[in-house]
N, C-alpha and C. Protein backbone atom coordinates (compact mmCIF):
# COMPACT_ATOMS: atom_id res chain seq x y z
N MET A 1 6.38 197.73 -1.83
CA MET A 1 6.45 198.50 -0.67
C MET A 1 6.28 197.64 0.58
N GLU A 2 5.69 196.64 0.32
CA GLU A 2 5.52 195.76 1.43
C GLU A 2 6.88 195.28 1.92
N GLY A 3 7.80 195.10 1.10
CA GLY A 3 9.16 194.68 1.46
C GLY A 3 9.81 195.72 2.33
N MET A 4 9.53 196.97 2.00
CA MET A 4 10.12 198.07 2.78
C MET A 4 9.49 198.12 4.17
N GLU A 5 8.23 197.85 4.19
CA GLU A 5 7.56 197.88 5.48
C GLU A 5 8.10 196.76 6.36
N ARG A 6 8.34 195.65 5.73
CA ARG A 6 8.87 194.53 6.48
C ARG A 6 10.26 194.87 7.00
N ILE A 7 11.04 195.45 6.17
CA ILE A 7 12.40 195.83 6.57
C ILE A 7 12.29 196.86 7.69
N ASN A 8 11.38 197.84 7.51
CA ASN A 8 11.18 198.88 8.53
C ASN A 8 10.76 198.22 9.84
N ARG A 9 9.81 197.30 9.73
CA ARG A 9 9.31 196.64 10.92
C ARG A 9 10.43 195.82 11.56
N ALA A 10 11.18 195.13 10.72
CA ALA A 10 12.26 194.31 11.25
C ALA A 10 13.29 195.20 11.94
N ILE A 11 13.59 196.33 11.30
CA ILE A 11 14.55 197.26 11.92
C ILE A 11 13.98 197.79 13.22
N LEU A 12 12.68 198.15 13.19
CA LEU A 12 12.04 198.69 14.40
C LEU A 12 11.99 197.62 15.49
N ASP A 13 11.65 196.39 15.09
CA ASP A 13 11.57 195.31 16.09
C ASP A 13 12.96 195.07 16.70
N THR A 14 13.99 195.08 15.82
CA THR A 14 15.35 194.90 16.31
C THR A 14 15.73 196.08 17.19
N ALA A 15 15.39 197.29 16.77
CA ALA A 15 15.72 198.48 17.56
C ALA A 15 15.00 198.43 18.89
N ARG A 16 13.70 197.99 18.86
CA ARG A 16 12.94 197.88 20.11
C ARG A 16 13.58 196.84 21.02
N ALA A 17 13.91 195.70 20.41
CA ALA A 17 14.51 194.64 21.20
C ALA A 17 15.84 195.11 21.78
N ASP A 18 16.65 195.78 20.94
CA ASP A 18 17.93 196.31 21.43
C ASP A 18 17.69 197.36 22.52
N ALA A 19 16.68 198.22 22.27
CA ALA A 19 16.38 199.27 23.26
C ALA A 19 15.92 198.65 24.56
N GLU A 20 15.06 197.63 24.47
CA GLU A 20 14.59 196.95 25.68
C GLU A 20 15.75 196.29 26.40
N GLN A 21 16.64 195.65 25.59
CA GLN A 21 17.81 194.99 26.18
C GLN A 21 18.71 196.03 26.84
N ILE A 22 18.96 197.15 26.16
CA ILE A 22 19.80 198.21 26.71
C ILE A 22 19.15 198.78 27.96
N THR A 23 17.84 199.00 27.90
CA THR A 23 17.10 199.54 29.06
C THR A 23 17.16 198.57 30.22
N LYS A 24 16.94 197.27 29.89
CA LYS A 24 16.98 196.25 30.94
C LYS A 24 18.38 196.19 31.56
N GLU A 25 19.42 196.21 30.75
CA GLU A 25 20.79 196.19 31.25
C GLU A 25 21.09 197.46 32.06
N ALA A 26 20.59 198.59 31.59
CA ALA A 26 20.79 199.87 32.30
C ALA A 26 20.09 199.83 33.65
N GLU A 27 18.85 199.29 33.67
CA GLU A 27 18.12 199.20 34.93
C GLU A 27 18.85 198.27 35.90
N GLU A 28 19.32 197.11 35.37
CA GLU A 28 20.06 196.16 36.21
C GLU A 28 21.32 196.82 36.76
N LYS A 29 22.02 197.53 35.88
CA LYS A 29 23.24 198.22 36.30
C LYS A 29 22.90 199.30 37.33
N ALA A 30 21.79 200.02 37.12
CA ALA A 30 21.38 201.06 38.06
C ALA A 30 21.06 200.44 39.41
N TRP A 31 20.34 199.29 39.40
CA TRP A 31 20.00 198.63 40.65
C TRP A 31 21.27 198.11 41.34
N GLN A 32 22.20 197.60 40.54
CA GLN A 32 23.47 197.15 41.13
C GLN A 32 24.22 198.32 41.76
N GLU A 33 24.24 199.46 41.10
CA GLU A 33 24.88 200.68 41.65
C GLU A 33 24.16 201.14 42.91
N ILE A 34 22.83 201.06 42.87
CA ILE A 34 22.05 201.46 44.06
C ILE A 34 22.37 200.52 45.22
N GLU A 35 22.38 199.20 44.95
CA GLU A 35 22.71 198.23 46.00
C GLU A 35 24.13 198.45 46.53
N LYS A 36 25.05 198.70 45.57
CA LYS A 36 26.44 198.96 45.95
C LYS A 36 26.52 200.21 46.82
N ALA A 37 25.83 201.25 46.42
CA ALA A 37 25.80 202.50 47.19
C ALA A 37 25.17 202.28 48.56
N GLU A 38 24.09 201.48 48.62
CA GLU A 38 23.44 201.17 49.90
C GLU A 38 24.41 200.42 50.81
N LYS A 39 25.11 199.42 50.25
CA LYS A 39 26.08 198.66 51.05
C LYS A 39 27.20 199.56 51.55
N GLN A 40 27.71 200.44 50.69
CA GLN A 40 28.76 201.37 51.09
C GLN A 40 28.25 202.32 52.17
N ARG A 41 27.03 202.81 52.01
CA ARG A 41 26.43 203.69 53.01
C ARG A 41 26.29 202.96 54.34
N GLU A 42 25.84 201.69 54.28
CA GLU A 42 25.68 200.90 55.48
C GLU A 42 27.03 200.63 56.15
N ILE A 43 28.04 200.30 55.33
CA ILE A 43 29.39 200.08 55.87
C ILE A 43 29.91 201.36 56.52
N LYS A 44 29.75 202.50 55.86
CA LYS A 44 30.21 203.78 56.41
C LYS A 44 29.45 204.12 57.69
N PHE A 45 28.14 203.84 57.69
CA PHE A 45 27.32 204.11 58.86
C PHE A 45 27.81 203.27 60.05
N HIS A 46 28.03 201.96 59.81
CA HIS A 46 28.49 201.09 60.89
C HIS A 46 29.90 201.47 61.35
N GLU A 47 30.75 201.86 60.41
CA GLU A 47 32.10 202.30 60.76
C GLU A 47 32.05 203.58 61.60
N ALA A 48 31.23 204.51 61.18
CA ALA A 48 31.08 205.76 61.94
C ALA A 48 30.49 205.48 63.32
N LYS A 49 29.52 204.58 63.37
CA LYS A 49 28.90 204.20 64.65
C LYS A 49 29.95 203.54 65.55
N ARG A 50 30.77 202.62 64.99
CA ARG A 50 31.81 201.95 65.75
C ARG A 50 32.82 202.96 66.29
N ARG A 51 33.26 203.90 65.44
CA ARG A 51 34.21 204.92 65.89
C ARG A 51 33.62 205.79 66.98
N THR A 52 32.36 206.16 66.82
CA THR A 52 31.69 206.99 67.83
C THR A 52 31.60 206.25 69.16
N ILE A 53 31.25 204.97 69.10
CA ILE A 53 31.15 204.17 70.33
C ILE A 53 32.52 204.01 70.96
N GLU A 54 33.55 203.73 70.17
CA GLU A 54 34.91 203.61 70.71
C GLU A 54 35.37 204.90 71.34
N GLU A 55 35.10 206.01 70.69
CA GLU A 55 35.47 207.33 71.24
C GLU A 55 34.73 207.58 72.55
N ALA A 56 33.44 207.22 72.58
CA ALA A 56 32.67 207.40 73.80
C ALA A 56 33.22 206.53 74.93
N LYS A 57 33.58 205.28 74.60
CA LYS A 57 34.15 204.39 75.62
C LYS A 57 35.49 204.93 76.11
N ARG A 58 36.33 205.39 75.18
CA ARG A 58 37.64 205.95 75.55
C ARG A 58 37.47 207.15 76.46
N ARG A 59 36.55 208.02 76.09
CA ARG A 59 36.30 209.23 76.90
C ARG A 59 35.74 208.85 78.28
N ALA A 60 34.83 207.87 78.29
CA ALA A 60 34.27 207.42 79.57
C ALA A 60 35.37 206.83 80.45
N SER A 61 36.31 206.08 79.85
CA SER A 61 37.43 205.51 80.62
C SER A 61 38.30 206.62 81.19
N GLN A 62 38.55 207.65 80.40
CA GLN A 62 39.36 208.79 80.88
C GLN A 62 38.67 209.47 82.06
N ILE A 63 37.38 209.71 81.89
CA ILE A 63 36.62 210.37 82.97
C ILE A 63 36.64 209.52 84.23
N LEU A 64 36.45 208.21 84.08
CA LEU A 64 36.46 207.31 85.22
C LEU A 64 37.83 207.29 85.88
N ALA A 65 38.89 207.23 85.07
CA ALA A 65 40.26 207.23 85.63
C ALA A 65 40.53 208.53 86.38
N GLN A 66 40.12 209.65 85.80
CA GLN A 66 40.32 210.94 86.47
C GLN A 66 39.53 211.00 87.77
N ALA A 67 38.32 210.43 87.76
CA ALA A 67 37.50 210.42 88.98
C ALA A 67 38.18 209.56 90.06
N HIS A 68 38.75 208.42 89.66
CA HIS A 68 39.46 207.57 90.63
C HIS A 68 40.66 208.30 91.21
N ILE A 69 41.42 208.96 90.35
CA ILE A 69 42.61 209.70 90.81
C ILE A 69 42.19 210.80 91.77
N GLN A 70 41.16 211.54 91.40
CA GLN A 70 40.70 212.64 92.25
C GLN A 70 40.19 212.10 93.59
N ALA A 71 39.46 210.98 93.55
CA ALA A 71 38.96 210.40 94.80
C ALA A 71 40.11 209.96 95.69
N ARG A 72 41.15 209.32 95.10
CA ARG A 72 42.31 208.90 95.89
C ARG A 72 43.04 210.11 96.47
N GLN A 73 43.16 211.18 95.66
CA GLN A 73 43.82 212.39 96.16
C GLN A 73 43.04 213.01 97.31
N GLU A 74 41.72 213.06 97.15
CA GLU A 74 40.89 213.63 98.23
C GLU A 74 40.97 212.79 99.48
N LEU A 75 40.96 211.44 99.32
CA LEU A 75 41.06 210.55 100.47
C LEU A 75 42.42 210.73 101.15
N SER A 76 43.48 210.80 100.36
CA SER A 76 44.82 211.00 100.92
C SER A 76 44.90 212.33 101.66
N SER A 77 44.28 213.35 101.09
CA SER A 77 44.28 214.67 101.71
C SER A 77 43.55 214.64 103.05
N VAL A 78 42.41 213.97 103.08
CA VAL A 78 41.63 213.88 104.32
C VAL A 78 42.42 213.09 105.37
N LYS A 79 43.05 211.98 104.93
CA LYS A 79 43.85 211.20 105.88
C LYS A 79 45.00 212.03 106.43
N ALA A 80 45.67 212.79 105.55
CA ALA A 80 46.78 213.63 105.99
C ALA A 80 46.28 214.70 106.97
N GLU A 81 45.11 215.27 106.70
CA GLU A 81 44.55 216.27 107.62
C GLU A 81 44.28 215.65 108.99
N ILE A 82 43.77 214.43 109.00
CA ILE A 82 43.47 213.77 110.28
C ILE A 82 44.76 213.52 111.05
N VAL A 83 45.78 212.99 110.36
CA VAL A 83 47.06 212.72 111.03
C VAL A 83 47.68 214.03 111.51
N ASN A 84 47.63 215.07 110.69
CA ASN A 84 48.18 216.38 111.09
C ASN A 84 47.43 216.94 112.29
N GLU A 85 46.12 216.73 112.32
CA GLU A 85 45.33 217.21 113.46
C GLU A 85 45.75 216.50 114.74
N ILE A 86 46.00 215.20 114.63
CA ILE A 86 46.45 214.44 115.80
C ILE A 86 47.81 214.96 116.27
N VAL A 87 48.73 215.17 115.32
CA VAL A 87 50.07 215.67 115.67
C VAL A 87 49.95 217.06 116.29
N ASP A 88 49.08 217.90 115.74
CA ASP A 88 48.88 219.25 116.32
C ASP A 88 48.32 219.16 117.73
N ARG A 89 47.42 218.22 117.98
CA ARG A 89 46.88 218.04 119.33
C ARG A 89 47.99 217.62 120.29
N VAL A 90 48.86 216.75 119.82
CA VAL A 90 49.99 216.32 120.67
C VAL A 90 50.86 217.53 120.99
N ARG A 91 51.13 218.34 119.96
CA ARG A 91 51.96 219.54 120.19
C ARG A 91 51.31 220.49 121.20
N THR A 92 50.00 220.67 121.11
CA THR A 92 49.35 221.61 122.02
C THR A 92 49.19 221.04 123.42
N THR A 93 49.09 219.70 123.54
CA THR A 93 48.95 219.13 124.89
C THR A 93 50.30 218.86 125.54
N LEU A 94 51.36 218.92 124.78
CA LEU A 94 52.70 218.67 125.32
C LEU A 94 53.01 219.58 126.52
N PRO A 95 52.75 220.89 126.45
CA PRO A 95 53.06 221.75 127.61
C PRO A 95 52.21 221.44 128.84
N THR A 96 51.05 220.84 128.65
CA THR A 96 50.18 220.57 129.80
C THR A 96 50.53 219.26 130.49
N ILE A 97 51.32 218.43 129.83
CA ILE A 97 51.70 217.16 130.43
C ILE A 97 52.73 217.43 131.51
N SER A 98 52.41 216.97 132.69
CA SER A 98 53.38 217.19 133.77
C SER A 98 54.43 216.10 133.67
N GLY A 99 55.62 216.51 133.28
CA GLY A 99 56.71 215.55 133.14
C GLY A 99 57.18 215.11 134.51
N ASP A 100 57.55 213.86 134.61
CA ASP A 100 58.08 213.45 135.90
C ASP A 100 59.54 213.89 135.99
N LYS A 101 59.98 213.99 137.21
CA LYS A 101 61.33 214.49 137.46
C LYS A 101 62.38 213.60 136.80
N GLY A 102 62.10 212.32 136.78
CA GLY A 102 63.06 211.37 136.22
C GLY A 102 63.30 211.61 134.74
N SER A 103 62.24 211.94 134.00
CA SER A 103 62.43 212.13 132.55
C SER A 103 63.23 213.41 132.28
N VAL A 104 62.99 214.46 133.06
CA VAL A 104 63.73 215.71 132.87
C VAL A 104 65.20 215.47 133.17
N ILE A 105 65.48 214.80 134.26
CA ILE A 105 66.87 214.53 134.64
C ILE A 105 67.53 213.61 133.61
N SER A 106 66.79 212.61 133.16
CA SER A 106 67.33 211.68 132.16
C SER A 106 67.68 212.42 130.86
N LEU A 107 66.78 213.30 130.40
CA LEU A 107 67.05 214.08 129.18
C LEU A 107 68.22 215.04 129.39
N LEU A 108 68.30 215.61 130.59
CA LEU A 108 69.40 216.52 130.90
C LEU A 108 70.73 215.76 130.95
N GLU A 109 70.76 214.59 131.60
CA GLU A 109 71.98 213.79 131.67
C GLU A 109 72.44 213.40 130.26
N GLU A 110 71.49 213.02 129.40
CA GLU A 110 71.83 212.64 128.03
C GLU A 110 72.44 213.82 127.28
N ALA A 111 71.82 214.99 127.41
CA ALA A 111 72.31 216.18 126.71
C ALA A 111 73.69 216.58 127.22
N VAL A 112 73.86 216.61 128.50
CA VAL A 112 75.15 217.00 129.10
C VAL A 112 76.22 215.98 128.71
N GLY A 113 75.87 214.69 128.74
CA GLY A 113 76.81 213.64 128.37
C GLY A 113 77.26 213.76 126.92
N GLN A 114 76.36 214.12 126.03
CA GLN A 114 76.71 214.25 124.62
C GLN A 114 77.61 215.45 124.35
N LEU A 115 77.48 216.49 125.16
CA LEU A 115 78.31 217.68 124.95
C LEU A 115 79.78 217.40 125.25
N GLY A 116 80.02 216.63 126.31
CA GLY A 116 81.42 216.33 126.65
C GLY A 116 82.15 217.49 127.30
N SER A 117 81.47 218.58 127.61
CA SER A 117 82.11 219.73 128.27
C SER A 117 82.10 219.52 129.77
N ASP A 118 83.14 220.11 130.43
CA ASP A 118 83.18 220.02 131.89
C ASP A 118 82.09 220.86 132.52
N LYS A 119 81.86 222.02 131.97
CA LYS A 119 80.83 222.92 132.50
C LYS A 119 79.84 223.25 131.39
N VAL A 120 78.57 223.28 131.75
CA VAL A 120 77.51 223.54 130.76
C VAL A 120 76.51 224.53 131.32
N ARG A 121 75.83 225.14 130.38
CA ARG A 121 74.69 226.00 130.70
C ARG A 121 73.46 225.17 130.38
N VAL A 122 72.48 225.18 131.26
CA VAL A 122 71.29 224.36 131.10
C VAL A 122 70.06 225.25 130.98
N TYR A 123 69.19 224.90 130.02
CA TYR A 123 67.92 225.60 129.83
C TYR A 123 66.79 224.60 130.05
N VAL A 124 65.84 224.96 130.88
CA VAL A 124 64.68 224.11 131.15
C VAL A 124 63.43 224.99 131.24
N SER A 125 62.28 224.33 131.18
CA SER A 125 61.02 225.08 131.31
C SER A 125 60.88 225.59 132.74
N HIS A 126 60.04 226.58 132.93
CA HIS A 126 59.87 227.16 134.27
C HIS A 126 59.34 226.11 135.26
N ARG A 127 58.61 225.11 134.73
CA ARG A 127 58.07 224.07 135.61
C ARG A 127 59.17 223.17 136.15
N ASP A 128 60.29 223.06 135.42
CA ASP A 128 61.35 222.13 135.81
C ASP A 128 62.49 222.80 136.58
N LEU A 129 62.38 224.10 136.83
CA LEU A 129 63.44 224.78 137.59
C LEU A 129 63.61 224.17 138.98
N ASP A 130 62.51 223.88 139.65
CA ASP A 130 62.57 223.29 141.00
C ASP A 130 63.23 221.91 140.95
N THR A 131 62.93 221.15 139.89
CA THR A 131 63.51 219.81 139.75
C THR A 131 65.03 219.90 139.67
N LEU A 132 65.53 220.89 138.95
CA LEU A 132 66.99 221.04 138.84
C LEU A 132 67.61 221.49 140.16
N GLN A 133 66.87 222.26 140.95
CA GLN A 133 67.38 222.65 142.26
C GLN A 133 67.52 221.41 143.15
N GLU A 134 66.53 220.49 143.03
CA GLU A 134 66.60 219.24 143.81
C GLU A 134 67.74 218.36 143.31
N LEU A 135 68.05 218.47 142.02
CA LEU A 135 69.12 217.67 141.41
C LEU A 135 70.45 217.95 142.11
N ALA A 136 70.65 219.18 142.50
CA ALA A 136 71.92 219.56 143.13
C ALA A 136 72.17 218.71 144.38
N THR A 137 71.12 218.36 145.05
CA THR A 137 71.30 217.54 146.26
C THR A 137 71.33 216.05 145.94
N GLY A 138 70.73 215.62 144.83
CA GLY A 138 70.62 214.19 144.52
C GLY A 138 71.73 213.66 143.64
N ASN A 139 72.20 214.41 142.66
CA ASN A 139 73.20 213.91 141.73
C ASN A 139 74.35 214.91 141.70
N LYS A 140 75.29 214.73 142.59
CA LYS A 140 76.39 215.67 142.77
C LYS A 140 77.26 215.78 141.51
N GLU A 141 77.49 214.66 140.81
CA GLU A 141 78.35 214.69 139.62
C GLU A 141 77.72 215.55 138.53
N LEU A 142 76.44 215.34 138.26
CA LEU A 142 75.76 216.14 137.23
C LEU A 142 75.66 217.59 137.67
N ALA A 143 75.32 217.79 138.93
CA ALA A 143 75.18 219.15 139.45
C ALA A 143 76.50 219.92 139.36
N SER A 144 77.62 219.24 139.53
CA SER A 144 78.92 219.92 139.49
C SER A 144 79.27 220.40 138.07
N ARG A 145 78.66 219.81 137.05
CA ARG A 145 78.94 220.20 135.66
C ARG A 145 78.07 221.37 135.20
N ILE A 146 77.01 221.67 135.95
CA ILE A 146 76.10 222.76 135.55
C ILE A 146 76.63 224.08 136.07
N ALA A 147 76.99 224.95 135.13
CA ALA A 147 77.52 226.26 135.50
C ALA A 147 76.38 227.25 135.71
N GLU A 148 75.31 227.09 134.98
CA GLU A 148 74.23 228.07 135.03
C GLU A 148 72.93 227.38 134.59
N ILE A 149 71.84 227.76 135.19
CA ILE A 149 70.51 227.24 134.82
C ILE A 149 69.67 228.43 134.38
N LYS A 150 69.07 228.30 133.18
CA LYS A 150 68.21 229.38 132.68
C LYS A 150 66.85 228.80 132.30
N GLU A 151 65.90 229.70 132.30
CA GLU A 151 64.54 229.29 131.94
C GLU A 151 64.38 229.34 130.41
N LEU A 152 63.65 228.36 129.87
CA LEU A 152 63.41 228.26 128.44
C LEU A 152 61.92 228.07 128.20
N ASP A 153 61.40 228.73 127.21
CA ASP A 153 59.98 228.56 126.86
C ASP A 153 59.84 227.27 126.06
N CYS A 154 59.58 226.19 126.79
CA CYS A 154 59.40 224.88 126.15
C CYS A 154 58.44 224.06 126.99
N ALA A 155 57.99 222.94 126.45
CA ALA A 155 57.02 222.10 127.15
C ALA A 155 57.68 221.25 128.23
N GLY A 156 58.95 220.99 128.07
CA GLY A 156 59.65 220.16 129.04
C GLY A 156 60.94 219.68 128.42
N GLY A 157 61.69 218.90 129.22
CA GLY A 157 62.98 218.45 128.72
C GLY A 157 64.04 219.47 129.04
N ALA A 158 65.16 219.43 128.30
CA ALA A 158 66.26 220.33 128.62
C ALA A 158 67.12 220.58 127.39
N VAL A 159 67.81 221.72 127.42
CA VAL A 159 68.83 222.04 126.43
C VAL A 159 70.12 222.25 127.22
N ALA A 160 71.18 221.58 126.76
CA ALA A 160 72.48 221.77 127.40
C ALA A 160 73.38 222.45 126.37
N GLU A 161 74.14 223.45 126.86
CA GLU A 161 74.97 224.24 125.95
C GLU A 161 76.34 224.42 126.60
N SER A 162 77.37 224.36 125.76
CA SER A 162 78.71 224.63 126.30
C SER A 162 78.74 226.07 126.79
N THR A 163 79.57 226.36 127.75
CA THR A 163 79.59 227.71 128.34
C THR A 163 80.03 228.76 127.33
N ASP A 164 80.76 228.37 126.28
CA ASP A 164 81.13 229.35 125.25
C ASP A 164 80.01 229.51 124.20
N GLY A 165 78.97 228.68 124.31
CA GLY A 165 77.81 228.80 123.40
C GLY A 165 78.02 228.19 122.03
N LYS A 166 79.14 227.50 121.80
CA LYS A 166 79.42 226.94 120.47
C LYS A 166 78.68 225.63 120.21
N LEU A 167 78.48 224.83 121.25
CA LEU A 167 77.79 223.55 121.10
C LEU A 167 76.53 223.54 121.94
N SER A 168 75.52 222.89 121.39
CA SER A 168 74.25 222.84 122.10
C SER A 168 73.55 221.53 121.76
N ILE A 169 72.95 220.90 122.75
CA ILE A 169 72.16 219.69 122.54
C ILE A 169 70.75 220.00 123.02
N ASP A 170 69.79 219.88 122.09
CA ASP A 170 68.39 220.19 122.39
C ASP A 170 67.64 218.89 122.66
N ASN A 171 67.30 218.67 123.92
CA ASN A 171 66.54 217.49 124.32
C ASN A 171 65.18 217.91 124.88
N THR A 172 64.61 218.94 124.30
CA THR A 172 63.27 219.36 124.74
C THR A 172 62.24 218.41 124.18
N TYR A 173 61.07 218.37 124.81
CA TYR A 173 59.99 217.51 124.33
C TYR A 173 59.64 217.84 122.87
N GLU A 174 59.63 219.12 122.55
CA GLU A 174 59.26 219.52 121.19
C GLU A 174 60.24 218.96 120.16
N THR A 175 61.53 219.09 120.45
CA THR A 175 62.55 218.60 119.53
C THR A 175 62.50 217.08 119.43
N ARG A 176 62.33 216.42 120.55
CA ARG A 176 62.22 214.95 120.55
C ARG A 176 61.00 214.52 119.73
N LEU A 177 59.90 215.24 119.86
CA LEU A 177 58.70 214.92 119.09
C LEU A 177 58.99 215.09 117.60
N GLU A 178 59.64 216.19 117.22
CA GLU A 178 59.95 216.42 115.80
C GLU A 178 60.86 215.33 115.25
N MET A 179 61.77 214.85 116.09
CA MET A 179 62.65 213.77 115.64
C MET A 179 61.88 212.45 115.47
N LEU A 180 60.86 212.27 116.29
CA LEU A 180 60.08 211.03 116.24
C LEU A 180 58.99 211.04 115.16
N LEU A 181 58.57 212.22 114.74
CA LEU A 181 57.45 212.30 113.79
C LEU A 181 57.62 211.46 112.53
N PRO A 182 58.80 211.46 111.89
CA PRO A 182 58.92 210.62 110.69
C PRO A 182 58.65 209.14 110.95
N GLN A 183 58.86 208.69 112.19
CA GLN A 183 58.60 207.31 112.54
C GLN A 183 57.14 207.09 112.96
N ILE A 184 56.61 208.03 113.76
CA ILE A 184 55.28 207.78 114.32
C ILE A 184 54.13 208.16 113.40
N VAL A 185 54.35 209.09 112.47
CA VAL A 185 53.27 209.45 111.55
C VAL A 185 52.83 208.26 110.71
N PRO A 186 53.77 207.49 110.12
CA PRO A 186 53.33 206.30 109.39
C PRO A 186 52.62 205.28 110.29
N GLU A 187 53.10 205.16 111.53
CA GLU A 187 52.45 204.24 112.47
C GLU A 187 51.03 204.70 112.79
N ILE A 188 50.86 205.99 112.99
CA ILE A 188 49.52 206.53 113.25
C ILE A 188 48.62 206.26 112.05
N SER A 189 49.15 206.49 110.87
CA SER A 189 48.38 206.26 109.64
C SER A 189 47.98 204.79 109.51
N ARG A 190 48.93 203.88 109.77
CA ARG A 190 48.61 202.44 109.70
C ARG A 190 47.56 202.07 110.74
N GLU A 191 47.71 202.62 111.93
CA GLU A 191 46.77 202.30 113.01
C GLU A 191 45.36 202.79 112.67
N LEU A 192 45.28 203.99 112.12
CA LEU A 192 43.97 204.57 111.81
C LEU A 192 43.35 204.01 110.53
N PHE A 193 44.17 203.81 109.50
CA PHE A 193 43.64 203.52 108.18
C PHE A 193 44.02 202.13 107.68
N GLY A 194 44.81 201.40 108.45
CA GLY A 194 45.11 200.02 108.10
C GLY A 194 46.12 199.82 107.00
N HIS A 195 46.88 200.82 106.62
CA HIS A 195 47.92 200.63 105.59
C HIS A 195 48.95 201.69 105.69
């Protein structure tokens, strides 16, 4: 029986050794899986962190770009308001400016000359009616072409019209200002804002 015990012991010792070896290998494999899982978790964590940071940076860039655009639009709007206010002031002060007789006559001569008609109807502001009456004594050639003088609600200058009413040249201060605005508004802007 002793032989059987030895065989039993040998089998048990071998089984124990195998079990210990299997357990040791299983533990090593488990630790390797745990380490692998930890590394994968760490990689995923860093990847998620990187994506979150990139998304935050992208969003911050968008917000900053939108803020710059909005600031430029607001600045442009304020500049346009300032220029428009200046132009409006010019329009409102235009009627109060006492035009000299020479400018009214010069504008009238230009308008009449452009019409090319022998006889014209002339429209001027009520302030310039006296100037045209004086014109009759000073410039006989121009005075001879004026068939009729009428009053016009304008700041100054003159409108010359053919007697049949088909052609008209508007040389009033208001019209001249409107013609000049596309040129002077950019100049005003450059003068005020430097660009």
